[in-house]
N, C-alpha and C. Protein backbone atom coordinates (compact mmCIF):
# COMPACT_ATOMS: atom_id res chain seq x y z
N MET A 1 60.13 123.37 139.46
CA MET A 1 58.78 123.30 138.92
C MET A 1 58.08 124.64 138.91
N LYS A 2 58.28 125.39 140.00
CA LYS A 2 57.69 126.74 140.06
C LYS A 2 58.21 127.63 139.00
N SER A 3 59.51 127.56 138.73
CA SER A 3 60.15 128.40 137.71
C SER A 3 59.58 128.03 136.30
N LEU A 4 59.36 126.68 136.07
CA LEU A 4 58.80 126.33 134.79
C LEU A 4 57.37 126.84 134.59
N PHE A 5 56.59 126.79 135.69
CA PHE A 5 55.27 127.39 135.65
C PHE A 5 55.28 128.85 135.39
N ILE A 6 56.15 129.52 136.09
CA ILE A 6 56.26 131.03 135.91
C ILE A 6 56.70 131.33 134.47
N PHE A 7 57.69 130.60 134.00
CA PHE A 7 58.22 130.84 132.68
C PHE A 7 57.15 130.58 131.63
N THR A 8 56.32 129.53 131.79
CA THR A 8 55.25 129.22 130.85
C THR A 8 54.14 130.32 130.91
N SER A 9 53.79 130.72 132.12
CA SER A 9 52.76 131.71 132.18
C SER A 9 53.22 133.05 131.66
N ILE A 10 54.43 133.41 131.82
CA ILE A 10 54.96 134.69 131.24
C ILE A 10 54.99 134.57 129.73
N LEU A 11 55.39 133.39 129.23
CA LEU A 11 55.42 133.19 127.77
C LEU A 11 53.97 133.27 127.19
N ALA A 12 53.06 132.66 127.85
CA ALA A 12 51.66 132.64 127.40
C ALA A 12 51.06 134.09 127.46
N PHE A 13 51.39 134.80 128.55
CA PHE A 13 50.79 136.13 128.68
C PHE A 13 51.41 137.08 127.60
N SER A 14 52.71 136.96 127.32
CA SER A 14 53.36 137.81 126.33
C SER A 14 52.82 137.50 124.95
N SER A 15 52.62 136.24 124.63
CA SER A 15 52.05 135.91 123.32
C SER A 15 50.60 136.38 123.13
N LEU A 16 49.83 136.29 124.25
CA LEU A 16 48.45 136.82 124.20
C LEU A 16 48.41 138.38 124.01
N SER A 17 49.34 139.02 124.66
CA SER A 17 49.34 140.44 124.57
C SER A 17 49.81 140.88 123.18
N LEU A 18 50.75 140.13 122.57
CA LEU A 18 51.13 140.46 121.24
C LEU A 18 50.00 140.24 120.21
N CYS A 19 49.25 139.17 120.45
CA CYS A 19 48.08 138.96 119.56
C CYS A 19 47.04 140.04 119.69
N ALA A 20 46.82 140.43 120.92
CA ALA A 20 45.85 141.50 121.16
C ALA A 20 46.33 142.80 120.59
N ASP A 21 47.64 143.10 120.65
CA ASP A 21 48.17 144.33 120.02
C ASP A 21 48.00 144.28 118.54
N SER A 22 48.26 143.17 117.93
CA SER A 22 48.12 143.09 116.43
C SER A 22 46.64 143.26 116.05
N ASN A 23 45.74 142.64 116.81
CA ASN A 23 44.33 142.81 116.54
C ASN A 23 43.88 144.26 116.68
N THR A 24 44.39 144.88 117.74
CA THR A 24 44.05 146.29 118.00
C THR A 24 44.63 147.18 116.92
N THR A 25 45.85 146.89 116.46
CA THR A 25 46.49 147.55 115.41
C THR A 25 45.67 147.49 114.09
N GLU A 26 45.24 146.24 113.81
CA GLU A 26 44.50 146.05 112.62
C GLU A 26 43.15 146.77 112.69
N ASN A 27 42.49 146.78 113.86
CA ASN A 27 41.22 147.49 114.01
C ASN A 27 41.47 148.98 113.92
N ASN A 28 42.55 149.43 114.53
CA ASN A 28 42.84 150.87 114.42
C ASN A 28 43.17 151.31 113.05
N SER A 29 43.91 150.45 112.29
CA SER A 29 44.19 150.80 110.92
C SER A 29 42.94 150.78 110.01
N THR A 30 42.02 149.89 110.36
CA THR A 30 40.76 149.87 109.59
C THR A 30 39.97 151.07 109.91
N VAL A 31 39.90 151.44 111.20
CA VAL A 31 39.13 152.61 111.63
C VAL A 31 39.77 153.88 111.03
N THR A 32 41.12 153.89 111.01
CA THR A 32 41.85 155.03 110.49
C THR A 32 41.60 155.17 108.99
N GLU A 33 41.62 154.03 108.25
CA GLU A 33 41.33 154.03 106.79
C GLU A 33 39.92 154.49 106.53
N ASN A 34 38.96 154.02 107.35
CA ASN A 34 37.57 154.52 107.15
C ASN A 34 37.48 155.97 107.50
N ASN A 35 38.11 156.49 108.52
CA ASN A 35 38.07 157.91 108.82
C ASN A 35 38.75 158.75 107.71
N ALA A 36 39.87 158.20 107.24
CA ALA A 36 40.60 158.86 106.15
C ALA A 36 39.73 158.99 104.90
N THR A 37 39.02 157.85 104.60
CA THR A 37 38.15 157.84 103.41
C THR A 37 37.00 158.77 103.65
N THR A 38 36.45 158.80 104.84
CA THR A 38 35.29 159.69 105.14
C THR A 38 35.72 161.14 105.07
N SER A 39 36.86 161.46 105.69
CA SER A 39 37.31 162.81 105.58
C SER A 39 37.73 163.25 104.24
N LYS A 40 38.31 162.35 103.44
CA LYS A 40 38.68 162.68 102.07
C LYS A 40 37.37 162.91 101.25
N ALA A 41 36.29 162.11 101.50
CA ALA A 41 35.13 162.30 100.77
C ALA A 41 34.47 163.62 101.18
N LYS A 42 34.54 163.97 102.49
CA LYS A 42 33.97 165.25 102.89
C LYS A 42 34.74 166.41 102.29
N LYS A 43 36.06 166.32 102.25
CA LYS A 43 36.88 167.38 101.59
C LYS A 43 36.52 167.56 100.10
N GLU A 44 36.34 166.41 99.41
CA GLU A 44 36.07 166.49 98.02
C GLU A 44 34.67 167.06 97.83
N ALA A 45 33.71 166.70 98.63
CA ALA A 45 32.43 167.30 98.58
C ALA A 45 32.43 168.81 98.78
N LYS A 46 33.19 169.21 99.79
CA LYS A 46 33.30 170.65 100.13
C LYS A 46 33.95 171.39 98.96
N GLN A 47 35.03 170.83 98.40
CA GLN A 47 35.69 171.48 97.27
C GLN A 47 34.81 171.50 96.03
N LEU A 48 33.95 170.44 95.82
CA LEU A 48 33.11 170.39 94.71
C LEU A 48 32.05 171.53 94.87
N ALA A 49 31.50 171.67 96.10
CA ALA A 49 30.47 172.66 96.34
C ALA A 49 31.07 174.11 96.15
N GLU A 50 32.22 174.31 96.56
CA GLU A 50 32.91 175.58 96.37
C GLU A 50 33.16 175.87 94.91
N GLN A 51 33.59 174.91 94.19
CA GLN A 51 33.82 175.10 92.74
C GLN A 51 32.52 175.38 92.04
N MET A 52 31.46 174.73 92.40
CA MET A 52 30.18 174.95 91.78
C MET A 52 29.69 176.36 92.04
N LYS A 53 29.91 176.87 93.23
CA LYS A 53 29.54 178.29 93.54
C LYS A 53 30.39 179.21 92.72
N LYS A 54 31.66 178.92 92.57
CA LYS A 54 32.49 179.80 91.77
C LYS A 54 32.05 179.81 90.27
N GLU A 55 31.68 178.66 89.80
CA GLU A 55 31.19 178.56 88.43
C GLU A 55 29.85 179.27 88.25
N GLU A 56 28.95 179.21 89.22
CA GLU A 56 27.71 179.97 89.14
C GLU A 56 27.97 181.52 89.10
N LYS A 57 28.92 181.93 89.97
CA LYS A 57 29.26 183.33 90.04
C LYS A 57 29.89 183.72 88.73
N PHE A 58 30.80 182.91 88.14
CA PHE A 58 31.36 183.23 86.84
C PHE A 58 30.35 183.37 85.77
N ALA A 59 29.36 182.47 85.73
CA ALA A 59 28.34 182.46 84.70
C ALA A 59 27.51 183.70 84.87
N LYS A 60 27.20 184.05 86.06
CA LYS A 60 26.40 185.29 86.29
C LYS A 60 27.14 186.51 85.85
N GLU A 61 28.42 186.61 86.19
CA GLU A 61 29.32 187.71 85.77
C GLU A 61 29.43 187.77 84.26
N GLN A 62 29.58 186.66 83.57
CA GLN A 62 29.70 186.67 82.17
C GLN A 62 28.43 187.12 81.53
N ARG A 63 27.34 186.73 82.11
CA ARG A 63 26.05 187.14 81.54
C ARG A 63 26.00 188.68 81.63
N PHE A 64 26.44 189.28 82.72
CA PHE A 64 26.47 190.74 82.88
C PHE A 64 27.45 191.36 81.91
N TYR A 65 28.69 190.88 81.81
CA TYR A 65 29.64 191.48 80.97
C TYR A 65 29.31 191.43 79.51
N GLN A 66 28.64 190.39 79.09
CA GLN A 66 28.31 190.21 77.65
C GLN A 66 27.12 191.17 77.35
N GLY A 67 26.25 191.47 78.25
CA GLY A 67 25.24 192.51 78.14
C GLY A 67 24.11 192.09 77.18
N ALA A 68 23.91 190.83 76.94
CA ALA A 68 22.85 190.42 76.07
C ALA A 68 21.44 190.69 76.71
N GLU A 69 21.37 190.71 77.98
CA GLU A 69 20.11 190.90 78.63
C GLU A 69 19.70 192.37 78.85
N TYR A 70 20.65 193.26 78.56
CA TYR A 70 20.43 194.65 78.90
C TYR A 70 20.18 195.49 77.68
N ASP A 71 19.19 196.39 77.73
CA ASP A 71 18.89 197.32 76.67
C ASP A 71 19.48 198.72 76.93
N LEU A 72 20.59 199.00 76.27
CA LEU A 72 21.27 200.21 76.54
C LEU A 72 21.00 201.27 75.39
N SER A 73 19.96 200.99 74.58
CA SER A 73 19.76 201.89 73.45
C SER A 73 19.32 203.31 73.94
N SER A 74 18.78 203.43 75.16
CA SER A 74 18.35 204.75 75.64
C SER A 74 19.55 205.68 75.98
N TYR A 75 20.71 205.04 76.15
CA TYR A 75 21.88 205.83 76.50
C TYR A 75 22.78 206.12 75.30
N GLU A 76 22.37 205.71 74.11
CA GLU A 76 23.13 205.96 72.96
C GLU A 76 22.94 207.45 72.50
N VAL A 77 24.02 208.02 71.94
CA VAL A 77 24.03 209.41 71.48
C VAL A 77 23.44 209.47 70.07
N ASP A 78 22.64 210.37 69.81
CA ASP A 78 22.08 210.64 68.50
C ASP A 78 23.14 211.38 67.63
N LYS A 79 23.58 210.81 66.64
CA LYS A 79 24.70 211.35 65.81
C LYS A 79 24.25 212.72 65.13
N SER A 80 23.01 212.86 64.87
CA SER A 80 22.55 214.09 64.26
C SER A 80 22.69 215.26 65.20
N SER A 81 22.59 215.00 66.47
CA SER A 81 22.72 216.09 67.46
C SER A 81 24.21 216.52 67.60
N LEU A 82 25.09 215.73 67.20
CA LEU A 82 26.55 216.12 67.29
C LEU A 82 26.89 217.24 66.29
N ASP A 83 26.10 217.35 65.22
CA ASP A 83 26.43 218.37 64.22
C ASP A 83 26.23 219.77 64.77
N SER A 84 25.36 219.98 65.73
CA SER A 84 25.08 221.27 66.30
C SER A 84 26.14 221.73 67.30
N ILE A 85 27.00 220.88 67.71
CA ILE A 85 28.04 221.23 68.68
C ILE A 85 29.18 221.88 67.92
N PRO A 86 29.64 223.08 68.38
CA PRO A 86 30.68 223.74 67.61
C PRO A 86 32.03 223.03 67.88
N LEU A 87 32.88 223.08 66.89
CA LEU A 87 34.19 222.40 67.01
C LEU A 87 35.12 223.38 67.64
N ILE A 88 35.77 223.01 68.73
CA ILE A 88 36.71 223.89 69.42
C ILE A 88 38.13 223.61 68.90
N GLU A 89 38.68 224.65 68.43
CA GLU A 89 40.01 224.55 67.81
C GLU A 89 41.04 224.51 68.99
N PRO A 90 42.02 223.66 68.88
CA PRO A 90 43.05 223.60 69.92
C PRO A 90 43.93 224.82 69.89
N ASP A 91 44.45 225.21 71.03
CA ASP A 91 45.35 226.37 71.10
C ASP A 91 46.70 225.80 71.15
N TYR A 92 47.45 225.91 70.05
CA TYR A 92 48.80 225.35 69.92
C TYR A 92 49.87 226.27 70.47
N ASP A 93 49.48 227.39 70.99
CA ASP A 93 50.39 228.37 71.52
C ASP A 93 50.75 228.05 73.03
N PHE A 94 51.51 227.05 73.18
CA PHE A 94 51.81 226.53 74.50
C PHE A 94 53.24 226.86 74.79
N ASP A 95 53.51 228.02 75.30
CA ASP A 95 54.88 228.48 75.50
C ASP A 95 55.16 228.42 77.00
N MET A 96 56.14 227.62 77.34
CA MET A 96 56.48 227.43 78.83
C MET A 96 57.73 228.29 79.18
N ASP A 97 58.22 229.08 78.28
CA ASP A 97 59.43 229.78 78.58
C ASP A 97 59.34 230.74 79.71
N ASP A 98 58.20 231.46 79.85
CA ASP A 98 58.08 232.41 80.93
C ASP A 98 57.93 231.72 82.29
N VAL A 99 57.57 230.47 82.36
CA VAL A 99 57.41 229.75 83.58
C VAL A 99 58.80 229.48 84.24
N TYR A 100 59.83 229.26 83.44
CA TYR A 100 61.12 228.93 84.00
C TYR A 100 61.98 230.18 84.21
N ASP A 101 61.51 231.39 83.87
CA ASP A 101 62.29 232.60 84.08
C ASP A 101 62.24 233.09 85.52
């Protein structure tokens, strides 16, 4: 009789522990899924913010490179002033023979 009682109590205890483990596993998996979803959402938000910063920087750089906002006419050379500069004729007498002697 004692052995039957012990056997039944061990069987009941093991079945309760299995049920508790499965409930804990389900709860853990739910918590893990929620954490994974939250961390994935945080990563996506972070990547989106970084990409938006890159796009703002690109737009700013493009505005600079295109030069539509800048007036550079004060740095232009007057073509009529170039006529007064004398033309320097190139010296084609480039003899390197005496260098190697």
